[in-house]
Amino acid sequence: MIYEIKSRQNDKIKEVVKLSNMKSSKEAKLFKIEGFHAFEMALEAKAVKSVFTYKEIKDLPSNIPQYIVSKEIMEKISYAKNPQGVVVVCNYIPVRAITSNKVLLLDDVCDPGNVGTLLRTALAFGYKDVIMLGGCSQYNEKVLQSTQGAIFKLNIVNDIDINSLKDYEILATEIKGSVELSKVTPGPKHILVLGNEAHGVSNKILSLASKRIRIDISDIESLNVAVAGAIAMYKLSN
């Protein structure tokens, strides 16, 4: 199904623009992504609802409508400074039960750049189940931009009782009373907890931790949470 849209005031264009608002996105259970790589991953995940592009995309499933738009319209619906030429509206990704041996828990991590980078890194190191409590939504546009499509290969859970994950060793990043990361050997199933940029891991989560871990550094007080998370996921995966 191929349609041409010539007006920036077209209702379909207005609907896509509204998805930049998190409330509207949540109500519609839709979000938008950009770029051909993320588009391919969305197709593989069967999450694509519609596509807005400069020219027809061949071999697209017939049930996915394509809307051909001008550069001016693309700039209106895009969040990128230099649009690649494809904006994709996707359905919210279904949440599954946690089944993997390695889980990443983001405890009120608020910066969308950090969240997106951590989600991308989680996929790279096999943390395919991610728990996100508080903080930033995975459907925030800046998060989506940072993930580079990784969101489609992750199971992201926003509402869960941590006490229900009884088989997991909980490793929480914390300075006080902690063990240096290089000395930690995780059990067969573990949850790596990363905390808020300013306040760290909450006392509630710390009270459930099997072990508190830290990364020893010098000449600087702390690491960015995305950098610390990448180091910890790499070390715990090897």
C-alpha atoms as a PDB file:
ATOM      1  CA  MET A   1       0.000   0.000   0.000  1.00  0.00           C
ATOM      2  CA  ILE A   2       1.641   3.191  -1.194  1.00  0.00           C
ATOM      3  CA  TYR A   3       0.275   6.687  -0.608  1.00  0.00           C
ATOM      4  CA  GLU A   4       1.649  10.144  -1.325  1.00  0.00           C
ATOM      5  CA  ILE A   5       1.358  12.936   1.222  1.00  0.00           C
ATOM      6  CA  LYS A   6       1.976  16.488   0.033  1.00  0.00           C
ATOM      7  CA  SER A   7       0.807  18.585   2.976  1.00  0.00           C
ATOM      8  CA  ARG A   8       2.543  19.132   6.318  1.00  0.00           C
ATOM      9  CA  GLN A   9      -0.959  19.505   7.797  1.00  0.00           C
ATOM     10  CA  ASN A  10      -2.075  16.018   6.758  1.00  0.00           C
ATOM     11  CA  ASP A  11      -3.666  14.085   9.652  1.00  0.00           C
ATOM     12  CA  LYS A  12      -1.174  11.213   9.284  1.00  0.00           C
ATOM     13  CA  ILE A  13       1.704  13.655   9.630  1.00  0.00           C
ATOM     14  CA  LYS A  14       0.128  15.218  12.719  1.00  0.00           C
ATOM     15  CA  GLU A  15      -0.219  11.749  14.270  1.00  0.00           C
ATOM     16  CA  VAL A  16       3.471  11.019  13.737  1.00  0.00           C
ATOM     17  CA  VAL A  17       4.496  14.385  15.181  1.00  0.00           C
ATOM     18  CA  LYS A  18       2.418  13.684  18.306  1.00  0.00           C
ATOM     19  CA  LEU A  19       4.481  10.576  19.001  1.00  0.00           C
ATOM     20  CA  SER A  20       7.316  12.867  20.078  1.00  0.00           C
ATOM     21  CA  ASN A  21       5.213  13.480  23.185  1.00  0.00           C
ATOM     22  CA  MET A  22       5.641  10.607  25.663  1.00  0.00           C
ATOM     23  CA  LYS A  23       2.044  10.854  26.900  1.00  0.00           C
ATOM     24  CA  SER A  24       0.685  10.581  23.354  1.00  0.00           C
ATOM     25  CA  SER A  25       3.082   7.750  22.562  1.00  0.00           C
ATOM     26  CA  LYS A  26       1.998   5.812  25.639  1.00  0.00           C
ATOM     27  CA  GLU A  27      -1.698   6.328  24.946  1.00  0.00           C
ATOM     28  CA  ALA A  28      -1.355   5.162  21.343  1.00  0.00           C
ATOM     29  CA  LYS A  29       1.144   2.414  22.282  1.00  0.00           C
ATOM     30  CA  LEU A  30       3.176   3.583  19.291  1.00  0.00           C
ATOM     31  CA  PHE A  31       6.648   5.068  18.885  1.00  0.00           C
ATOM     32  CA  LYS A  32       8.782   6.195  15.982  1.00  0.00           C
ATOM     33  CA  ILE A  33      12.305   5.326  14.946  1.00  0.00           C
ATOM     34  CA  GLU A  34      14.603   6.610  12.217  1.00  0.00           C
ATOM     35  CA  GLY A  35      17.273   5.201   9.945  1.00  0.00           C
ATOM     36  CA  PHE A  36      17.508   2.144   7.743  1.00  0.00           C
ATOM     37  CA  HIS A  37      19.421  -0.049  10.221  1.00  0.00           C
ATOM     38  CA  ALA A  38      16.808   0.406  12.954  1.00  0.00           C
ATOM     39  CA  PHE A  39      14.118  -0.065  10.294  1.00  0.00           C
ATOM     40  CA  GLU A  40      15.550  -3.480   9.364  1.00  0.00           C
ATOM     41  CA  MET A  41      15.600  -4.554  12.999  1.00  0.00           C
ATOM     42  CA  ALA A  42      12.017  -3.350  13.464  1.00  0.00           C
ATOM     43  CA  LEU A  43      10.930  -5.362  10.426  1.00  0.00           C
ATOM     44  CA  GLU A  44      12.639  -8.460  11.785  1.00  0.00           C
ATOM     45  CA  ALA A  45      10.819  -7.978  15.089  1.00  0.00           C
ATOM     46  CA  LYS A  46       7.482  -7.524  13.235  1.00  0.00           C
ATOM     47  CA  ALA A  47       6.968  -4.215  15.039  1.00  0.00           C
ATOM     48  CA  VAL A  48       6.463  -1.924  12.026  1.00  0.00           C
ATOM     49  CA  LYS A  49       3.053  -0.259  11.658  1.00  0.00           C
ATOM     50  CA  SER A  50       3.799   2.258   8.878  1.00  0.00           C
ATOM     51  CA  VAL A  51       6.700   3.855   7.007  1.00  0.00           C
ATOM     52  CA  PHE A  52       7.310   7.432   5.854  1.00  0.00           C
ATOM     53  CA  THR A  53       9.962   7.763   3.171  1.00  0.00           C
ATOM     54  CA  TYR A  54      11.132   9.748   0.138  1.00  0.00           C
ATOM     55  CA  LYS A  55      10.603   6.921  -2.338  1.00  0.00           C
ATOM     56  CA  GLU A  56       9.022   3.479  -2.476  1.00  0.00           C
ATOM     57  CA  ILE A  57      10.787   0.752  -0.545  1.00  0.00           C
ATOM     58  CA  LYS A  58      10.753  -2.472  -2.536  1.00  0.00           C
ATOM     59  CA  ASP A  59       9.843  -5.860  -1.031  1.00  0.00           C
ATOM     60  CA  LEU A  60       8.073  -4.370   1.972  1.00  0.00           C
ATOM     61  CA  PRO A  61       5.248  -6.609   3.265  1.00  0.00           C
ATOM     62  CA  SER A  62       1.988  -5.568   1.576  1.00  0.00           C
ATOM     63  CA  ASN A  63       0.187  -5.006   4.889  1.00  0.00           C
ATOM     64  CA  ILE A  64       2.568  -2.173   5.875  1.00  0.00           C
ATOM     65  CA  PRO A  65       1.498   1.176   4.385  1.00  0.00           C
ATOM     66  CA  GLN A  66       4.183   3.377   2.851  1.00  0.00           C
ATOM     67  CA  TYR A  67       3.738   7.139   2.784  1.00  0.00           C
ATOM     68  CA  ILE A  68       5.871   9.018   0.263  1.00  0.00           C
ATOM     69  CA  VAL A  69       6.709  12.477   1.598  1.00  0.00           C
ATOM     70  CA  SER A  70       8.775  15.539   0.688  1.00  0.00           C
ATOM     71  CA  LYS A  71      11.966  16.723   2.372  1.00  0.00           C
ATOM     72  CA  GLU A  72       9.984  19.410   4.227  1.00  0.00           C
ATOM     73  CA  ILE A  73       7.539  16.858   5.634  1.00  0.00           C
ATOM     74  CA  MET A  74      10.368  14.491   6.582  1.00  0.00           C
ATOM     75  CA  GLU A  75      12.050  17.278   8.509  1.00  0.00           C
ATOM     76  CA  LYS A  76       8.795  17.919  10.374  1.00  0.00           C
ATOM     77  CA  ILE A  77       8.352  14.322  11.540  1.00  0.00           C
ATOM     78  CA  SER A  78      12.056  13.589  12.091  1.00  0.00           C
ATOM     79  CA  TYR A  79      13.978  14.181  15.312  1.00  0.00           C
ATOM     80  CA  ALA A  80      17.341  14.006  13.525  1.00  0.00           C
ATOM     81  CA  LYS A  81      19.209  17.082  12.314  1.00  0.00           C
ATOM     82  CA  ASN A  82      19.992  15.299   9.050  1.00  0.00           C
ATOM     83  CA  PRO A  83      17.193  12.762   8.374  1.00  0.00           C
ATOM     84  CA  GLN A  84      18.261   9.560   6.612  1.00  0.00           C
ATOM     85  CA  GLY A  85      15.000   9.538   4.698  1.00  0.00           C
ATOM     86  CA  VAL A  86      12.933   6.984   6.597  1.00  0.00           C
ATOM     87  CA  VAL A  87      10.740   7.423   9.670  1.00  0.00           C
ATOM     88  CA  VAL A  88       9.031   4.292  10.939  1.00  0.00           C
ATOM     89  CA  VAL A  89       6.034   4.096  13.268  1.00  0.00           C
ATOM     90  CA  CYS A  90       6.214   0.982  15.437  1.00  0.00           C
ATOM     91  CA  ASN A  91       3.951  -0.784  17.900  1.00  0.00           C
ATOM     92  CA  TYR A  92       5.063  -0.997  21.508  1.00  0.00           C
ATOM     93  CA  ILE A  93       7.128  -4.133  22.020  1.00  0.00           C
ATOM     94  CA  PRO A  94       5.414  -6.923  24.005  1.00  0.00           C
ATOM     95  CA  VAL A  95       6.972  -7.724  27.381  1.00  0.00           C
ATOM     96  CA  ARG A  96       7.945 -11.329  28.096  1.00  0.00           C
ATOM     97  CA  ALA A  97       8.867 -13.195  31.257  1.00  0.00           C
ATOM     98  CA  ILE A  98      12.513 -12.909  32.320  1.00  0.00           C
ATOM     99  CA  THR A  99      14.339 -16.082  31.304  1.00  0.00           C
ATOM    100  CA  SER A 100      17.987 -15.251  30.593  1.00  0.00           C
ATOM    101  CA  ASN A 101      20.867 -15.884  32.984  1.00  0.00           C
ATOM    102  CA  LYS A 102      22.136 -12.300  32.828  1.00  0.00           C
ATOM    103  CA  VAL A 103      19.829  -9.371  33.619  1.00  0.00           C
ATOM    104  CA  LEU A 104      20.562  -5.644  33.672  1.00  0.00           C
ATOM    105  CA  LEU A 105      18.596  -3.498  36.114  1.00  0.00           C
ATOM    106  CA  LEU A 106      18.553   0.275  35.661  1.00  0.00           C
ATOM    107  CA  ASP A 107      17.415   1.840  38.917  1.00  0.00           C
ATOM    108  CA  ASP A 108      16.141   5.335  38.045  1.00  0.00           C
ATOM    109  CA  VAL A 109      18.789   6.051  35.404  1.00  0.00           C
ATOM    110  CA  CYS A 110      17.466   9.332  34.008  1.00  0.00           C
ATOM    111  CA  ASP A 111      19.672  10.604  31.200  1.00  0.00           C
ATOM    112  CA  PRO A 112      18.310   9.288  27.864  1.00  0.00           C
ATOM    113  CA  GLY A 113      21.779   9.158  26.335  1.00  0.00           C
ATOM    114  CA  ASN A 114      22.977   6.949  29.193  1.00  0.00           C
ATOM    115  CA  VAL A 115      19.887   4.741  28.980  1.00  0.00           C
ATOM    116  CA  GLY A 116      20.195   4.268  25.233  1.00  0.00           C
ATOM    117  CA  THR A 117      23.903   3.487  25.442  1.00  0.00           C
ATOM    118  CA  LEU A 118      23.316   0.994  28.249  1.00  0.00           C
ATOM    119  CA  LEU A 119      20.575  -0.792  26.300  1.00  0.00           C
ATOM    120  CA  ARG A 120      22.836  -1.069  23.264  1.00  0.00           C
ATOM    121  CA  THR A 121      25.698  -2.330  25.443  1.00  0.00           C
ATOM    122  CA  ALA A 122      23.411  -4.801  27.209  1.00  0.00           C
ATOM    123  CA  LEU A 123      22.572  -6.443  23.896  1.00  0.00           C
ATOM    124  CA  ALA A 124      26.253  -6.566  22.926  1.00  0.00           C
ATOM    125  CA  PHE A 125      27.173  -8.456  26.100  1.00  0.00           C
ATOM    126  CA  GLY A 126      24.191 -10.795  26.236  1.00  0.00           C
ATOM    127  CA  TYR A 127      22.038  -9.021  28.827  1.00  0.00           C
ATOM    128  CA  LYS A 128      18.872  -9.543  26.815  1.00  0.00           C
ATOM    129  CA  ASP A 129      16.510  -9.067  29.753  1.00  0.00           C
ATOM    130  CA  VAL A 130      16.550  -5.499  31.085  1.00  0.00           C
ATOM    131  CA  ILE A 131      14.579  -4.144  34.038  1.00  0.00           C
ATOM    132  CA  MET A 132      14.007  -0.382  34.007  1.00  0.00           C
ATOM    133  CA  LEU A 133      12.616   1.115  37.217  1.00  0.00           C
ATOM    134  CA  GLY A 134      11.708   4.810  37.280  1.00  0.00           C
ATOM    135  CA  GLY A 135      13.969   7.105  35.296  1.00  0.00           C
ATOM    136  CA  CYS A 136      13.722   7.399  31.541  1.00  0.00           C
ATOM    137  CA  SER A 137      11.389   5.449  29.258  1.00  0.00           C
ATOM    138  CA  GLN A 138      12.833   3.164  26.595  1.00  0.00           C
ATOM    139  CA  TYR A 139      10.500   4.935  24.146  1.00  0.00           C
ATOM    140  CA  ASN A 140      12.052   8.358  24.705  1.00  0.00           C
ATOM    141  CA  GLU A 141      13.281   9.596  21.301  1.00  0.00           C
ATOM    142  CA  LYS A 142      16.833  10.234  22.507  1.00  0.00           C
ATOM    143  CA  VAL A 143      16.938   6.755  24.036  1.00  0.00           C
ATOM    144  CA  LEU A 144      15.737   5.209  20.784  1.00  0.00           C
ATOM    145  CA  GLN A 145      18.311   7.153  18.817  1.00  0.00           C
ATOM    146  CA  SER A 146      21.110   5.921  21.111  1.00  0.00           C
ATOM    147  CA  THR A 147      20.043   2.265  21.030  1.00  0.00           C
ATOM    148  CA  GLN A 148      20.566   1.988  17.257  1.00  0.00           C
ATOM    149  CA  GLY A 149      17.731  -0.546  17.059  1.00  0.00           C
ATOM    150  CA  ALA A 150      18.864  -2.687  20.014  1.00  0.00           C
ATOM    151  CA  ILE A 151      15.458  -2.183  21.634  1.00  0.00           C
ATOM    152  CA  PHE A 152      13.960  -4.684  19.184  1.00  0.00           C
ATOM    153  CA  LYS A 153      16.186  -7.493  20.452  1.00  0.00           C
ATOM    154  CA  LEU A 154      15.760  -6.825  24.160  1.00  0.00           C
ATOM    155  CA  ASN A 155      13.032  -7.755  26.604  1.00  0.00           C
ATOM    156  CA  ILE A 156      12.516  -4.602  28.669  1.00  0.00           C
ATOM    157  CA  VAL A 157      10.440  -4.880  31.832  1.00  0.00           C
ATOM    158  CA  ASN A 158       9.210  -1.762  33.634  1.00  0.00           C
ATOM    159  CA  ASP A 159       7.078  -3.247  36.390  1.00  0.00           C
ATOM    160  CA  ILE A 160       8.299  -6.212  38.413  1.00  0.00           C
ATOM    161  CA  ASP A 161       8.744  -7.341  42.021  1.00  0.00           C
ATOM    162  CA  ILE A 162      12.477  -7.963  42.347  1.00  0.00           C
ATOM    163  CA  ASN A 163      11.749 -10.409  45.173  1.00  0.00           C
ATOM    164  CA  SER A 164      10.148 -12.701  42.586  1.00  0.00           C
ATOM    165  CA  LEU A 165      13.559 -13.312  40.984  1.00  0.00           C
ATOM    166  CA  LYS A 166      14.744 -15.591  43.767  1.00  0.00           C
ATOM    167  CA  ASP A 167      17.201 -17.592  41.633  1.00  0.00           C
ATOM    168  CA  TYR A 168      19.307 -14.559  40.790  1.00  0.00           C
ATOM    169  CA  GLU A 169      22.364 -13.171  42.528  1.00  0.00           C
ATOM    170  CA  ILE A 170      21.910  -9.382  42.728  1.00  0.00           C
ATOM    171  CA  LEU A 171      25.115  -7.423  42.125  1.00  0.00           C
ATOM    172  CA  ALA A 172      24.610  -3.740  42.926  1.00  0.00           C
ATOM    173  CA  THR A 173      27.153  -1.053  42.130  1.00  0.00           C
ATOM    174  CA  GLU A 174      28.038   0.826  45.306  1.00  0.00           C
ATOM    175  CA  ILE A 175      31.196   2.294  46.866  1.00  0.00           C
ATOM    176  CA  LYS A 176      30.569   1.536  50.549  1.00  0.00           C
ATOM    177  CA  GLY A 177      31.083  -2.010  51.764  1.00  0.00           C
ATOM    178  CA  SER A 178      31.735  -3.294  48.264  1.00  0.00           C
ATOM    179  CA  VAL A 179      34.030  -5.751  46.491  1.00  0.00           C
ATOM    180  CA  GLU A 180      36.250  -4.626  43.603  1.00  0.00           C
ATOM    181  CA  LEU A 181      34.843  -5.802  40.267  1.00  0.00           C
ATOM    182  CA  SER A 182      37.959  -7.731  39.246  1.00  0.00           C
ATOM    183  CA  LYS A 183      37.531  -9.960  42.301  1.00  0.00           C
ATOM    184  CA  VAL A 184      33.890 -10.823  41.580  1.00  0.00           C
ATOM    185  CA  THR A 185      32.925 -14.147  40.019  1.00  0.00           C
ATOM    186  CA  PRO A 186      29.186 -14.121  39.324  1.00  0.00           C
ATOM    187  CA  GLY A 187      26.982 -17.139  39.907  1.00  0.00           C
ATOM    188  CA  PRO A 188      25.137 -18.912  37.091  1.00  0.00           C
ATOM    189  CA  LYS A 189      22.348 -16.304  37.153  1.00  0.00           C
ATOM    190  CA  HIS A 190      22.846 -12.685  38.126  1.00  0.00           C
ATOM    191  CA  ILE A 191      21.292  -9.230  37.985  1.00  0.00           C
ATOM    192  CA  LEU A 192      23.644  -6.270  37.520  1.00  0.00           C
ATOM    193  CA  VAL A 193      22.182  -3.127  39.109  1.00  0.00           C
ATOM    194  CA  LEU A 194      23.168   0.375  37.992  1.00  0.00           C
ATOM    195  CA  GLY A 195      21.794   3.391  39.816  1.00  0.00           C
ATOM    196  CA  ASN A 196      20.749   6.985  39.289  1.00  0.00           C
ATOM    197  CA  GLU A 197      23.443   9.343  37.975  1.00  0.00           C
ATOM    198  CA  ALA A 198      23.327  11.571  41.067  1.00  0.00           C
ATOM    199  CA  HIS A 199      22.203   9.278  43.888  1.00  0.00           C
ATOM    200  CA  GLY A 200      23.307   5.797  42.868  1.00  0.00           C
ATOM    201  CA  VAL A 201      21.348   2.638  43.621  1.00  0.00           C
ATOM    202  CA  SER A 202      18.358   3.153  45.919  1.00  0.00           C
ATOM    203  CA  ASN A 203      18.439   1.828  49.482  1.00  0.00           C
ATOM    204  CA  LYS A 204      15.502  -0.419  48.640  1.00  0.00           C
ATOM    205  CA  ILE A 205      17.461  -2.222  45.919  1.00  0.00           C
ATOM    206  CA  LEU A 206      20.694  -2.182  47.934  1.00  0.00           C
ATOM    207  CA  SER A 207      18.910  -4.008  50.750  1.00  0.00           C
ATOM    208  CA  LEU A 208      18.185  -6.873  48.338  1.00  0.00           C
ATOM    209  CA  ALA A 209      21.711  -7.083  46.952  1.00  0.00           C
ATOM    210  CA  SER A 210      23.622 -10.343  47.300  1.00  0.00           C
ATOM    211  CA  LYS A 211      26.848  -8.397  46.817  1.00  0.00           C
ATOM    212  CA  ARG A 212      27.917  -4.787  46.370  1.00  0.00           C
ATOM    213  CA  ILE A 213      30.538  -4.192  43.698  1.00  0.00           C
ATOM    214  CA  ARG A 214      32.728  -1.271  42.623  1.00  0.00           C
ATOM    215  CA  ILE A 215      35.216  -0.326  39.919  1.00  0.00           C
ATOM    216  CA  ASP A 216      38.452   1.001  41.381  1.00  0.00           C
ATOM    217  CA  ILE A 217      39.588   4.169  39.600  1.00  0.00           C
ATOM    218  CA  SER A 218      42.159   6.896  40.217  1.00  0.00           C
ATOM    219  CA  ASP A 219      42.404  10.678  39.859  1.00  0.00           C
ATOM    220  CA  ILE A 220      38.648  11.116  39.375  1.00  0.00           C
ATOM    221  CA  GLU A 221      35.732  10.685  41.749  1.00  0.00           C
ATOM    222  CA  SER A 222      33.406   8.612  39.573  1.00  0.00           C
ATOM    223  CA  LEU A 223      32.624   7.218  36.131  1.00  0.00           C
ATOM    224  CA  ASN A 224      29.665   7.982  33.907  1.00  0.00           C
ATOM    225  CA  VAL A 225      27.020   5.308  34.560  1.00  0.00           C
ATOM    226  CA  ALA A 226      27.031   4.136  30.922  1.00  0.00           C
ATOM    227  CA  VAL A 227      30.822   3.707  31.005  1.00  0.00           C
ATOM    228  CA  ALA A 228      30.702   1.922  34.363  1.00  0.00           C
ATOM    229  CA  GLY A 229      27.918  -0.319  33.104  1.00  0.00           C
ATOM    230  CA  ALA A 230      29.873  -1.256  29.986  1.00  0.00           C
ATOM    231  CA  ILE A 231      32.949  -2.167  32.045  1.00  0.00           C
ATOM    232  CA  ALA A 232      30.888  -4.217  34.502  1.00  0.00           C
ATOM    233  CA  MET A 233      28.935  -6.075  31.803  1.00  0.00           C
ATOM    234  CA  TYR A 234      32.154  -6.912  29.944  1.00  0.00           C
ATOM    235  CA  LYS A 235      33.905  -8.167  33.083  1.00  0.00           C
ATOM    236  CA  LEU A 236      30.954 -10.193  34.356  1.00  0.00           C
ATOM    237  CA  SER A 237      30.509 -11.793  30.918  1.00  0.00           C
ATOM    238  CA  ASN A 238      34.099 -13.093  30.773  1.00  0.00           C
END
